[in-house]
Amino acid sequence: MKDYRLNLTVNGREESHMIDPRDTLLDFLRETVWLTGSKEGCGKGECGACTVMMDDVTVNSCLVMAVQAEGRNITTVEGLTVNRKYHPLQEAMLECGGAQCGICTPGFIMSAASRLKKNL
């Protein structure tokens, strides 16, 4: 049942897709625009593995309905990479062995990037 046209910006790119209005933002990012950096860990907003920025505010994308992102600006962990160069936080996680299994790492990076953006 894809009967809602979602228009938003993801990582600086305008997107317009027909979606099922029951899709979460996480579903949309992973299954429609194929940005798989955000992960579903718990599906309840407790773990943060699905963290993205919506208009520069961190949200658990598993709890946000995709339709709520209409007209908004979404930044995923992939959006931190510019010209194939990792963001300094991504570099630091690699250099310091902070990646662990990789499921929650994107959420850590997005939360830290949001915090730095507010404080710089």
PDB file of N, CA and C in Angstrom:
ATOM      1  N   MET A   1       0.844  -1.178   0.000  1.00  0.00           N
ATOM      2  CA  MET A   1       0.000   0.000   0.000  1.00  0.00           C
ATOM      3  C   MET A   1       0.892   1.246   0.000  1.00  0.00           C
ATOM      4  N   LYS A   2       1.412   1.604  -1.135  1.00  0.00           N
ATOM      5  CA  LYS A   2       2.256   2.793  -1.252  1.00  0.00           C
ATOM      6  C   LYS A   2       1.385   3.909  -1.783  1.00  0.00           C
ATOM      7  N   ASP A   3       0.848   4.696  -0.864  1.00  0.00           N
ATOM      8  CA  ASP A   3      -0.092   5.725  -1.313  1.00  0.00           C
ATOM      9  C   ASP A   3       0.178   7.103  -0.719  1.00  0.00           C
ATOM     10  N   TYR A   4       1.421   7.328  -0.318  1.00  0.00           N
ATOM     11  CA  TYR A   4       1.777   8.639   0.190  1.00  0.00           C
ATOM     12  C   TYR A   4       3.080   9.071  -0.482  1.00  0.00           C
ATOM     13  N   ARG A   5       3.102  10.253  -1.061  1.00  0.00           N
ATOM     14  CA  ARG A   5       4.336  10.772  -1.663  1.00  0.00           C
ATOM     15  C   ARG A   5       5.084  11.570  -0.608  1.00  0.00           C
ATOM     16  N   LEU A   6       6.254  11.080  -0.260  1.00  0.00           N
ATOM     17  CA  LEU A   6       7.107  11.722   0.736  1.00  0.00           C
ATOM     18  C   LEU A   6       8.167  12.555   0.025  1.00  0.00           C
ATOM     19  N   ASN A   7       8.239  13.817   0.394  1.00  0.00           N
ATOM     20  CA  ASN A   7       9.233  14.741  -0.150  1.00  0.00           C
ATOM     21  C   ASN A   7      10.077  15.259   1.005  1.00  0.00           C
ATOM     22  N   LEU A   8      11.377  15.044   0.921  1.00  0.00           N
ATOM     23  CA  LEU A   8      12.279  15.472   1.971  1.00  0.00           C
ATOM     24  C   LEU A   8      13.691  15.554   1.409  1.00  0.00           C
ATOM     25  N   THR A   9      14.615  16.014   2.225  1.00  0.00           N
ATOM     26  CA  THR A   9      16.016  16.074   1.840  1.00  0.00           C
ATOM     27  C   THR A   9      16.783  15.100   2.716  1.00  0.00           C
ATOM     28  N   VAL A  10      17.542  14.230   2.069  1.00  0.00           N
ATOM     29  CA  VAL A  10      18.356  13.259   2.797  1.00  0.00           C
ATOM     30  C   VAL A  10      19.817  13.466   2.395  1.00  0.00           C
ATOM     31  N   ASN A  11      20.626  13.823   3.372  1.00  0.00           N
ATOM     32  CA  ASN A  11      22.058  14.055   3.138  1.00  0.00           C
ATOM     33  C   ASN A  11      22.291  15.051   2.006  1.00  0.00           C
ATOM     34  N   GLY A  12      21.473  16.109   1.993  1.00  0.00           N
ATOM     35  CA  GLY A  12      21.629  17.170   1.013  1.00  0.00           C
ATOM     36  C   GLY A  12      20.996  16.900  -0.339  1.00  0.00           C
ATOM     37  N   ARG A  13      20.370  15.770  -0.493  1.00  0.00           N
ATOM     38  CA  ARG A  13      19.760  15.387  -1.772  1.00  0.00           C
ATOM     39  C   ARG A  13      18.238  15.357  -1.640  1.00  0.00           C
ATOM     40  N   GLU A  14      17.565  16.059  -2.557  1.00  0.00           N
ATOM     41  CA  GLU A  14      16.102  16.050  -2.567  1.00  0.00           C
ATOM     42  C   GLU A  14      15.603  14.655  -2.936  1.00  0.00           C
ATOM     43  N   GLU A  15      14.659  14.151  -2.170  1.00  0.00           N
ATOM     44  CA  GLU A  15      14.077  12.825  -2.420  1.00  0.00           C
ATOM     45  C   GLU A  15      12.559  12.959  -2.486  1.00  0.00           C
ATOM     46  N   SER A  16      11.953  12.207  -3.382  1.00  0.00           N
ATOM     47  CA  SER A  16      10.500  12.151  -3.504  1.00  0.00           C
ATOM     48  C   SER A  16      10.134  10.717  -3.875  1.00  0.00           C
ATOM     49  N   HIS A  17       9.427  10.040  -2.962  1.00  0.00           N
ATOM     50  CA  HIS A  17       9.114   8.622  -3.159  1.00  0.00           C
ATOM     51  C   HIS A  17       7.703   8.322  -2.677  1.00  0.00           C
ATOM     52  N   MET A  18       7.072   7.382  -3.341  1.00  0.00           N
ATOM     53  CA  MET A  18       5.805   6.845  -2.855  1.00  0.00           C
ATOM     54  C   MET A  18       6.135   5.845  -1.754  1.00  0.00           C
ATOM     55  N   ILE A  19       5.463   6.001  -0.614  1.00  0.00           N
ATOM     56  CA  ILE A  19       5.728   5.116   0.519  1.00  0.00           C
ATOM     57  C   ILE A  19       4.426   4.627   1.121  1.00  0.00           C
ATOM     58  N   ASP A  20       4.538   3.618   1.928  1.00  0.00           N
ATOM     59  CA  ASP A  20       3.435   3.152   2.761  1.00  0.00           C
ATOM     60  C   ASP A  20       3.412   4.081   3.974  1.00  0.00           C
ATOM     61  N   PRO A  21       2.297   4.714   4.275  1.00  0.00           N
ATOM     62  CA  PRO A  21       2.265   5.654   5.407  1.00  0.00           C
ATOM     63  C   PRO A  21       2.558   5.004   6.764  1.00  0.00           C
ATOM     64  N   ARG A  22       2.616   3.688   6.810  1.00  0.00           N
ATOM     65  CA  ARG A  22       2.941   2.996   8.062  1.00  0.00           C
ATOM     66  C   ARG A  22       4.443   2.790   8.237  1.00  0.00           C
ATOM     67  N   ASP A  23       5.247   3.173   7.232  1.00  0.00           N
ATOM     68  CA  ASP A  23       6.702   3.002   7.312  1.00  0.00           C
ATOM     69  C   ASP A  23       7.311   3.960   8.329  1.00  0.00           C
ATOM     70  N   THR A  24       8.298   3.466   9.037  1.00  0.00           N
ATOM     71  CA  THR A  24       9.078   4.347   9.903  1.00  0.00           C
ATOM     72  C   THR A  24      10.137   5.048   9.050  1.00  0.00           C
ATOM     73  N   LEU A  25      10.723   6.076   9.618  1.00  0.00           N
ATOM     74  CA  LEU A  25      11.806   6.757   8.932  1.00  0.00           C
ATOM     75  C   LEU A  25      12.962   5.788   8.700  1.00  0.00           C
ATOM     76  N   LEU A  26      13.220   4.925   9.656  1.00  0.00           N
ATOM     77  CA  LEU A  26      14.276   3.922   9.498  1.00  0.00           C
ATOM     78  C   LEU A  26      13.982   3.011   8.312  1.00  0.00           C
ATOM     79  N   ASP A  27      12.739   2.536   8.204  1.00  0.00           N
ATOM     80  CA  ASP A  27      12.356   1.698   7.061  1.00  0.00           C
ATOM     81  C   ASP A  27      12.604   2.437   5.756  1.00  0.00           C
ATOM     82  N   PHE A  28      12.180   3.697   5.702  1.00  0.00           N
ATOM     83  CA  PHE A  28      12.348   4.498   4.498  1.00  0.00           C
ATOM     84  C   PHE A  28      13.823   4.632   4.127  1.00  0.00           C
ATOM     85  N   LEU A  29      14.641   4.974   5.105  1.00  0.00           N
ATOM     86  CA  LEU A  29      16.065   5.175   4.829  1.00  0.00           C
ATOM     87  C   LEU A  29      16.727   3.892   4.340  1.00  0.00           C
ATOM     88  N   ARG A  30      16.435   2.792   4.977  1.00  0.00           N
ATOM     89  CA  ARG A  30      17.095   1.530   4.632  1.00  0.00           C
ATOM     90  C   ARG A  30      16.517   0.879   3.379  1.00  0.00           C
ATOM     91  N   GLU A  31      15.201   0.914   3.235  1.00  0.00           N
ATOM     92  CA  GLU A  31      14.563   0.130   2.173  1.00  0.00           C
ATOM     93  C   GLU A  31      14.200   0.929   0.926  1.00  0.00           C
ATOM     94  N   THR A  32      14.098   2.243   1.037  1.00  0.00           N
ATOM     95  CA  THR A  32      13.714   3.040  -0.120  1.00  0.00           C
ATOM     96  C   THR A  32      14.900   3.784  -0.713  1.00  0.00           C
ATOM     97  N   VAL A  33      15.686   4.448   0.125  1.00  0.00           N
ATOM     98  CA  VAL A  33      16.841   5.175  -0.404  1.00  0.00           C
ATOM     99  C   VAL A  33      18.150   4.419  -0.196  1.00  0.00           C
ATOM    100  N   TRP A  34      18.073   3.214   0.332  1.00  0.00           N
ATOM    101  CA  TRP A  34      19.206   2.299   0.455  1.00  0.00           C
ATOM    102  C   TRP A  34      20.375   2.866   1.252  1.00  0.00           C
ATOM    103  N   LEU A  35      20.064   3.608   2.296  1.00  0.00           N
ATOM    104  CA  LEU A  35      21.085   4.080   3.228  1.00  0.00           C
ATOM    105  C   LEU A  35      21.016   3.171   4.447  1.00  0.00           C
ATOM    106  N   THR A  36      21.922   2.223   4.515  1.00  0.00           N
ATOM    107  CA  THR A  36      21.831   1.172   5.527  1.00  0.00           C
ATOM    108  C   THR A  36      22.744   1.391   6.733  1.00  0.00           C
ATOM    109  N   GLY A  37      23.331   2.576   6.847  1.00  0.00           N
ATOM    110  CA  GLY A  37      24.190   2.856   7.994  1.00  0.00           C
ATOM    111  C   GLY A  37      23.431   2.827   9.310  1.00  0.00           C
ATOM    112  N   SER A  38      22.226   3.371   9.314  1.00  0.00           N
ATOM    113  CA  SER A  38      21.386   3.346  10.522  1.00  0.00           C
ATOM    114  C   SER A  38      20.846   1.939  10.692  1.00  0.00           C
ATOM    115  N   LYS A  39      20.919   1.432  11.883  1.00  0.00           N
ATOM    116  CA  LYS A  39      20.523   0.048  12.149  1.00  0.00           C
ATOM    117  C   LYS A  39      19.324  -0.008  13.090  1.00  0.00           C
ATOM    118  N   GLU A  40      18.546  -1.075  12.980  1.00  0.00           N
ATOM    119  CA  GLU A  40      17.496  -1.303  13.971  1.00  0.00           C
ATOM    120  C   GLU A  40      18.059  -2.254  15.011  1.00  0.00           C
ATOM    121  N   GLY A  41      18.256  -1.730  16.193  1.00  0.00           N
ATOM    122  CA  GLY A  41      18.757  -2.555  17.281  1.00  0.00           C
ATOM    123  C   GLY A  41      17.610  -3.109  18.096  1.00  0.00           C
ATOM    124  N   CYS A  42      16.826  -2.215  18.692  1.00  0.00           N
ATOM    125  CA  CYS A  42      15.756  -2.647  19.593  1.00  0.00           C
ATOM    126  C   CYS A  42      14.360  -2.403  19.026  1.00  0.00           C
ATOM    127  N   GLY A  43      14.219  -1.428  18.142  1.00  0.00           N
ATOM    128  CA  GLY A  43      12.898  -1.099  17.604  1.00  0.00           C
ATOM    129  C   GLY A  43      12.007  -0.374  18.600  1.00  0.00           C
ATOM    130  N   LYS A  44      12.576   0.041  19.729  1.00  0.00           N
ATOM    131  CA  LYS A  44      11.806   0.697  20.787  1.00  0.00           C
ATOM    132  C   LYS A  44      12.369   2.054  21.190  1.00  0.00           C
ATOM    133  N   GLY A  45      13.406   2.513  20.498  1.00  0.00           N
ATOM    134  CA  GLY A  45      14.002   3.808  20.822  1.00  0.00           C
ATOM    135  C   GLY A  45      14.893   3.798  22.036  1.00  0.00           C
ATOM    136  N   GLU A  46      15.323   2.627  22.479  1.00  0.00           N
ATOM    137  CA  GLU A  46      16.146   2.543  23.678  1.00  0.00           C
ATOM    138  C   GLU A  46      17.641   2.458  23.402  1.00  0.00           C
ATOM    139  N   CYS A  47      18.016   1.873  22.262  1.00  0.00           N
ATOM    140  CA  CYS A  47      19.448   1.604  22.045  1.00  0.00           C
ATOM    141  C   CYS A  47      20.166   2.702  21.272  1.00  0.00           C
ATOM    142  N   GLY A  48      19.485   3.422  20.396  1.00  0.00           N
ATOM    143  CA  GLY A  48      20.100   4.513  19.640  1.00  0.00           C
ATOM    144  C   GLY A  48      20.820   4.108  18.375  1.00  0.00           C
ATOM    145  N   ALA A  49      20.807   2.839  18.003  1.00  0.00           N
ATOM    146  CA  ALA A  49      21.498   2.393  16.791  1.00  0.00           C
ATOM    147  C   ALA A  49      20.930   3.037  15.532  1.00  0.00           C
ATOM    148  N   CYS A  50      19.695   3.504  15.599  1.00  0.00           N
ATOM    149  CA  CYS A  50      19.018   4.090  14.432  1.00  0.00           C
ATOM    150  C   CYS A  50      19.064   5.615  14.419  1.00  0.00           C
ATOM    151  N   THR A  51      19.879   6.208  15.262  1.00  0.00           N
ATOM    152  CA  THR A  51      19.918   7.666  15.404  1.00  0.00           C
ATOM    153  C   THR A  51      20.308   8.368  14.111  1.00  0.00           C
ATOM    154  N   VAL A  52      19.507   9.354  13.748  1.00  0.00           N
ATOM    155  CA  VAL A  52      19.794  10.255  12.621  1.00  0.00           C
ATOM    156  C   VAL A  52      19.485  11.659  13.102  1.00  0.00           C
ATOM    157  N   MET A  53      19.845  12.661  12.293  1.00  0.00           N
ATOM    158  CA  MET A  53      19.467  14.032  12.609  1.00  0.00           C
ATOM    159  C   MET A  53      18.330  14.459  11.691  1.00  0.00           C
ATOM    160  N   MET A  54      17.297  15.006  12.299  1.00  0.00           N
ATOM    161  CA  MET A  54      16.185  15.574  11.553  1.00  0.00           C
ATOM    162  C   MET A  54      16.198  17.061  11.866  1.00  0.00           C
ATOM    163  N   ASP A  55      16.499  17.865  10.844  1.00  0.00           N
ATOM    164  CA  ASP A  55      16.676  19.311  11.047  1.00  0.00           C
ATOM    165  C   ASP A  55      17.651  19.578  12.182  1.00  0.00           C
ATOM    166  N   ASP A  56      18.760  18.851  12.170  1.00  0.00           N
ATOM    167  CA  ASP A  56      19.868  18.998  13.129  1.00  0.00           C
ATOM    168  C   ASP A  56      19.539  18.594  14.562  1.00  0.00           C
ATOM    169  N   VAL A  57      18.442  17.887  14.757  1.00  0.00           N
ATOM    170  CA  VAL A  57      18.088  17.358  16.078  1.00  0.00           C
ATOM    171  C   VAL A  57      18.112  15.834  15.985  1.00  0.00           C
ATOM    172  N   THR A  58      18.796  15.178  16.923  1.00  0.00           N
ATOM    173  CA  THR A  58      18.852  13.719  16.867  1.00  0.00           C
ATOM    174  C   THR A  58      17.489  13.118  17.188  1.00  0.00           C
ATOM    175  N   VAL A  59      17.152  12.078  16.417  1.00  0.00           N
ATOM    176  CA  VAL A  59      15.919  11.328  16.637  1.00  0.00           C
ATOM    177  C   VAL A  59      16.219   9.852  16.455  1.00  0.00           C
ATOM    178  N   ASN A  60      15.436   9.034  17.112  1.00  0.00           N
ATOM    179  CA  ASN A  60      15.492   7.592  16.883  1.00  0.00           C
ATOM    180  C   ASN A  60      14.592   7.313  15.684  1.00  0.00           C
ATOM    181  N   SER A  61      15.202   6.990  14.563  1.00  0.00           N
ATOM    182  CA  SER A  61      14.424   6.841  13.336  1.00  0.00           C
ATOM    183  C   SER A  61      13.470   5.648  13.369  1.00  0.00           C
ATOM    184  N   CYS A  62      13.638   4.746  14.321  1.00  0.00           N
ATOM    185  CA  CYS A  62      12.696   3.627  14.452  1.00  0.00           C
ATOM    186  C   CYS A  62      11.380   4.083  15.082  1.00  0.00           C
ATOM    187  N   LEU A  63      11.385   5.252  15.735  1.00  0.00           N
ATOM    188  CA  LEU A  63      10.181   5.764  16.387  1.00  0.00           C
ATOM    189  C   LEU A  63       9.483   6.868  15.601  1.00  0.00           C
ATOM    190  N   VAL A  64      10.149   7.387  14.583  1.00  0.00           N
ATOM    191  CA  VAL A  64       9.585   8.474  13.775  1.00  0.00           C
ATOM    192  C   VAL A  64       8.927   7.859  12.552  1.00  0.00           C
ATOM    193  N   MET A  65       7.676   8.213  12.320  1.00  0.00           N
ATOM    194  CA  MET A  65       7.021   7.757  11.099  1.00  0.00           C
ATOM    195  C   MET A  65       7.611   8.542   9.933  1.00  0.00           C
ATOM    196  N   ALA A  66       7.799   7.881   8.815  1.00  0.00           N
ATOM    197  CA  ALA A  66       8.398   8.542   7.651  1.00  0.00           C
ATOM    198  C   ALA A  66       7.600   9.779   7.253  1.00  0.00           C
ATOM    199  N   VAL A  67       6.283   9.733   7.358  1.00  0.00           N
ATOM    200  CA  VAL A  67       5.459  10.877   6.970  1.00  0.00           C
ATOM    201  C   VAL A  67       5.754  12.104   7.835  1.00  0.00           C
ATOM    202  N   GLN A  68       6.262  11.900   9.037  1.00  0.00           N
ATOM    203  CA  GLN A  68       6.624  13.018   9.909  1.00  0.00           C
ATOM    204  C   GLN A  68       7.856  13.759   9.402  1.00  0.00           C
ATOM    205  N   ALA A  69       8.579  13.149   8.480  1.00  0.00           N
ATOM    206  CA  ALA A  69       9.781  13.768   7.929  1.00  0.00           C
ATOM    207  C   ALA A  69       9.479  14.582   6.673  1.00  0.00           C
ATOM    208  N   GLU A  70       8.213  14.714   6.322  1.00  0.00           N
ATOM    209  CA  GLU A  70       7.813  15.492   5.149  1.00  0.00           C
ATOM    210  C   GLU A  70       8.424  16.891   5.219  1.00  0.00           C
ATOM    211  N   GLY A  71       9.161  17.260   4.158  1.00  0.00           N
ATOM    212  CA  GLY A  71       9.753  18.589   4.069  1.00  0.00           C
ATOM    213  C   GLY A  71      10.944  18.828   4.970  1.00  0.00           C
ATOM    214  N   ARG A  72      11.369  17.822   5.679  1.00  0.00           N
ATOM    215  CA  ARG A  72      12.465  17.986   6.642  1.00  0.00           C
ATOM    216  C   ARG A  72      13.807  17.658   6.011  1.00  0.00           C
ATOM    217  N   ASN A  73      14.860  17.990   6.735  1.00  0.00           N
ATOM    218  CA  ASN A  73      16.223  17.701   6.319  1.00  0.00           C
ATOM    219  C   ASN A  73      16.761  16.587   7.210  1.00  0.00           C
ATOM    220  N   ILE A  74      17.081  15.450   6.610  1.00  0.00           N
ATOM    221  CA  ILE A  74      17.567  14.284   7.343  1.00  0.00           C
ATOM    222  C   ILE A  74      19.045  14.092   7.045  1.00  0.00           C
ATOM    223  N   THR A  75      19.825  13.866   8.094  1.00  0.00           N
ATOM    224  CA  THR A  75      21.236  13.532   7.935  1.00  0.00           C
ATOM    225  C   THR A  75      21.477  12.173   8.561  1.00  0.00           C
ATOM    226  N   THR A  76      22.037  11.266   7.782  1.00  0.00           N
ATOM    227  CA  THR A  76      22.400   9.941   8.277  1.00  0.00           C
ATOM    228  C   THR A  76      23.911   9.873   8.434  1.00  0.00           C
ATOM    229  N   VAL A  77      24.395   8.782   8.964  1.00  0.00           N
ATOM    230  CA  VAL A  77      25.840   8.614   9.138  1.00  0.00           C
ATOM    231  C   VAL A  77      26.552   8.690   7.785  1.00  0.00           C
ATOM    232  N   GLU A  78      25.897   8.249   6.721  1.00  0.00           N
ATOM    233  CA  GLU A  78      26.503   8.354   5.390  1.00  0.00           C
ATOM    234  C   GLU A  78      26.671   9.811   4.969  1.00  0.00           C
ATOM    235  N   GLY A  79      25.790  10.671   5.464  1.00  0.00           N
ATOM    236  CA  GLY A  79      25.825  12.090   5.118  1.00  0.00           C
ATOM    237  C   GLY A  79      26.963  12.850   5.763  1.00  0.00           C
ATOM    238  N   LEU A  80      27.622  12.242   6.731  1.00  0.00           N
ATOM    239  CA  LEU A  80      28.775  12.896   7.363  1.00  0.00           C
ATOM    240  C   LEU A  80      30.017  12.805   6.493  1.00  0.00           C
ATOM    241  N   THR A  81      30.042  11.825   5.604  1.00  0.00           N
ATOM    242  CA  THR A  81      31.169  11.648   4.696  1.00  0.00           C
ATOM    243  C   THR A  81      31.053  12.657   3.566  1.00  0.00           C
ATOM    244  N   VAL A  82      32.118  13.400   3.307  1.00  0.00           N
ATOM    245  CA  VAL A  82      32.120  14.412   2.254  1.00  0.00           C
ATOM    246  C   VAL A  82      33.257  14.103   1.284  1.00  0.00           C
ATOM    247  N   ASN A  83      32.938  14.038   0.010  1.00  0.00           N
ATOM    248  CA  ASN A  83      33.946  13.747  -1.032  1.00  0.00           C
ATOM    249  C   ASN A  83      34.752  12.496  -0.700  1.00  0.00           C
ATOM    250  N   ARG A  84      34.032  11.474  -0.240  1.00  0.00           N
ATOM    251  CA  ARG A  84      34.647  10.180   0.114  1.00  0.00           C
ATOM    252  C   ARG A  84      35.645  10.282   1.260  1.00  0.00           C
ATOM    253  N   LYS A  85      35.550  11.339   2.033  1.00  0.00           N
ATOM    254  CA  LYS A  85      36.425  11.524   3.193  1.00  0.00           C
ATOM    255  C   LYS A  85      35.569  11.421   4.449  1.00  0.00           C
ATOM    256  N   TYR A  86      35.966  10.519   5.335  1.00  0.00           N
ATOM    257  CA  TYR A  86      35.226  10.332   6.570  1.00  0.00           C
ATOM    258  C   TYR A  86      35.232  11.587   7.425  1.00  0.00           C
ATOM    259  N   HIS A  87      34.163  11.760   8.177  1.00  0.00           N
ATOM    260  CA  HIS A  87      34.074  12.804   9.190  1.00  0.00           C
ATOM    261  C   HIS A  87      35.120  12.490  10.266  1.00  0.00           C
ATOM    262  N   PRO A  88      35.684  13.493  10.926  1.00  0.00           N
ATOM    263  CA  PRO A  88      36.677  13.228  11.982  1.00  0.00           C
ATOM    264  C   PRO A  88      36.185  12.252  13.058  1.00  0.00           C
ATOM    265  N   LEU A  89      34.904  12.259  13.359  1.00  0.00           N
ATOM    266  CA  LEU A  89      34.385  11.296  14.343  1.00  0.00           C
ATOM    267  C   LEU A  89      34.463   9.867  13.811  1.00  0.00           C
ATOM    268  N   GLN A  90      34.165   9.702  12.530  1.00  0.00           N
ATOM    269  CA  GLN A  90      34.273   8.375  11.934  1.00  0.00           C
ATOM    270  C   GLN A  90      35.724   7.910  11.942  1.00  0.00           C
ATOM    271  N   GLU A  91      36.628   8.815  11.600  1.00  0.00           N
ATOM    272  CA  GLU A  91      38.061   8.496  11.623  1.00  0.00           C
ATOM    273  C   GLU A  91      38.504   8.097  13.032  1.00  0.00           C
ATOM    274  N   ALA A  92      38.070   8.863  14.026  1.00  0.00           N
ATOM    275  CA  ALA A  92      38.456   8.578  15.409  1.00  0.00           C
ATOM    276  C   ALA A  92      37.944   7.218  15.863  1.00  0.00           C
ATOM    277  N   MET A  93      36.725   6.873  15.478  1.00  0.00           N
ATOM    278  CA  MET A  93      36.181   5.561  15.855  1.00  0.00           C
ATOM    279  C   MET A  93      37.020   4.444  15.237  1.00  0.00           C
ATOM    280  N   LEU A  94      37.440   4.630  13.997  1.00  0.00           N
ATOM    281  CA  LEU A  94      38.282   3.632  13.343  1.00  0.00           C
ATOM    282  C   LEU A  94      39.649   3.536  14.009  1.00  0.00           C
ATOM    283  N   GLU A  95      40.270   4.690  14.221  1.00  0.00           N
ATOM    284  CA  GLU A  95      41.625   4.723  14.786  1.00  0.00           C
ATOM    285  C   GLU A  95      41.685   4.197  16.217  1.00  0.00           C
ATOM    286  N   CYS A  96      40.632   4.445  16.983  1.00  0.00           N
ATOM    287  CA  CYS A  96      40.644   4.075  18.405  1.00  0.00           C
ATOM    288  C   CYS A  96      39.950   2.751  18.688  1.00  0.00           C
ATOM    289  N   GLY A  97      39.510   2.059  17.655  1.00  0.00           N
ATOM    290  CA  GLY A  97      38.861   0.762  17.853  1.00  0.00           C
ATOM    291  C   GLY A  97      37.501   0.870  18.492  1.00  0.00           C
ATOM    292  N   GLY A  98      36.807   1.976  18.262  1.00  0.00           N
ATOM    293  CA  GLY A  98      35.501   2.179  18.880  1.00  0.00           C
ATOM    294  C   GLY A  98      34.345   1.564  18.132  1.00  0.00           C
ATOM    295  N   ALA A  99      34.609   0.865  17.044  1.00  0.00           N
ATOM    296  CA  ALA A  99      33.524   0.354  16.205  1.00  0.00           C
ATOM    297  C   ALA A  99      32.798  -0.842  16.811  1.00  0.00           C
ATOM    298  N   GLN A 100      33.420  -1.588  17.666  1.00  0.00           N
ATOM    299  CA  GLN A 100      32.832  -2.785  18.259  1.00  0.00           C
ATOM    300  C   GLN A 100      32.243  -3.658  17.157  1.00  0.00           C
ATOM    301  N   CYS A 101      30.995  -4.110  17.287  1.00  0.00           N
ATOM    302  CA  CYS A 101      30.415  -4.965  16.246  1.00  0.00           C
ATOM    303  C   CYS A 101      29.844  -4.143  15.094  1.00  0.00           C
ATOM    304  N   GLY A 102      29.664  -2.848  15.292  1.00  0.00           N
ATOM    305  CA  GLY A 102      29.197  -1.971  14.219  1.00  0.00           C
ATOM    306  C   GLY A 102      27.717  -1.659  14.232  1.00  0.00           C
ATOM    307  N   ILE A 103      26.917  -2.358  15.004  1.00  0.00           N
ATOM    308  CA  ILE A 103      25.473  -2.102  15.026  1.00  0.00           C
ATOM    309  C   ILE A 103      25.183  -0.734  15.639  1.00  0.00           C
ATOM    310  N   CYS A 104      25.760  -0.428  16.774  1.00  0.00           N
ATOM    311  CA  CYS A 104      25.445   0.824  17.465  1.00  0.00           C
ATOM    312  C   CYS A 104      26.372   1.977  17.084  1.00  0.00           C
ATOM    313  N   THR A 105      27.468   1.684  16.407  1.00  0.00           N
ATOM    314  CA  THR A 105      28.455   2.711  16.079  1.00  0.00           C
ATOM    315  C   THR A 105      27.862   3.903  15.327  1.00  0.00           C
ATOM    316  N   PRO A 106      27.018   3.696  14.295  1.00  0.00           N
ATOM    317  CA  PRO A 106      26.447   4.860  13.615  1.00  0.00           C
ATOM    318  C   PRO A 106      25.659   5.775  14.556  1.00  0.00           C
ATOM    319  N   GLY A 107      24.950   5.191  15.491  1.00  0.00           N
ATOM    320  CA  GLY A 107      24.201   5.990  16.459  1.00  0.00           C
ATOM    321  C   GLY A 107      25.112   6.800  17.363  1.00  0.00           C
ATOM    322  N   PHE A 108      26.210   6.181  17.802  1.00  0.00           N
ATOM    323  CA  PHE A 108      27.193   6.904  18.617  1.00  0.00           C
ATOM    324  C   PHE A 108      27.738   8.097  17.842  1.00  0.00           C
ATOM    325  N   ILE A 109      28.102   7.847  16.589  1.00  0.00           N
ATOM    326  CA  ILE A 109      28.689   8.897  15.758  1.00  0.00           C
ATOM    327  C   ILE A 109      27.685  10.023  15.520  1.00  0.00           C
ATOM    328  N   MET A 110      26.445   9.676  15.219  1.00  0.00           N
ATOM    329  CA  MET A 110      25.438  10.706  14.960  1.00  0.00           C
ATOM    330  C   MET A 110      25.146  11.526  16.201  1.00  0.00           C
ATOM    331  N   SER A 111      25.080  10.882  17.352  1.00  0.00           N
ATOM    332  CA  SER A 111      24.839  11.621  18.600  1.00  0.00           C
ATOM    333  C   SER A 111      25.985  12.569  18.895  1.00  0.00           C
ATOM    334  N   ALA A 112      27.208  12.090  18.715  1.00  0.00           N
ATOM    335  CA  ALA A 112      28.385  12.925  18.967  1.00  0.00           C
ATOM    336  C   ALA A 112      28.455  14.074  17.953  1.00  0.00           C
ATOM    337  N   ALA A 113      28.157  13.785  16.681  1.00  0.00           N
ATOM    338  CA  ALA A 113      28.190  14.832  15.641  1.00  0.00           C
ATOM    339  C   ALA A 113      27.156  15.922  15.938  1.00  0.00           C
ATOM    340  N   SER A 114      25.998  15.522  16.392  1.00  0.00           N
ATOM    341  CA  SER A 114      24.959  16.488  16.737  1.00  0.00           C
ATOM    342  C   SER A 114      25.415  17.371  17.896  1.00  0.00           C
ATOM    343  N   ARG A 115      26.010  16.751  18.887  1.00  0.00           N
ATOM    344  CA  ARG A 115      26.481  17.495  20.066  1.00  0.00           C
ATOM    345  C   ARG A 115      27.568  18.495  19.672  1.00  0.00           C
ATOM    346  N   LEU A 116      28.506  18.032  18.843  1.00  0.00           N
ATOM    347  CA  LEU A 116      29.573  18.928  18.393  1.00  0.00           C
ATOM    348  C   LEU A 116      29.022  20.089  17.574  1.00  0.00           C
ATOM    349  N   LYS A 117      28.029  19.803  16.743  1.00  0.00           N
ATOM    350  CA  LYS A 117      27.437  20.840  15.908  1.00  0.00           C
ATOM    351  C   LYS A 117      26.802  21.940  16.777  1.00  0.00           C
ATOM    352  N   LYS A 118      26.193  21.537  17.872  1.00  0.00           N
ATOM    353  CA  LYS A 118      25.563  22.502  18.774  1.00  0.00           C
ATOM    354  C   LYS A 118      26.583  23.316  19.561  1.00  0.00           C
ATOM    355  N   ASN A 119      27.751  22.730  19.828  1.00  0.00           N
ATOM    356  CA  ASN A 119      28.746  23.379  20.676  1.00  0.00           C
ATOM    357  C   ASN A 119      29.863  24.077  19.915  1.00  0.00           C
ATOM    358  N   LEU A 120      29.861  24.002  18.596  1.00  0.00           N
ATOM    359  CA  LEU A 120      30.934  24.652  17.835  1.00  0.00           C
ATOM    360  C   LEU A 120      30.462  25.961  17.239  1.00  0.00           C
TER     361      LEU A 120
END
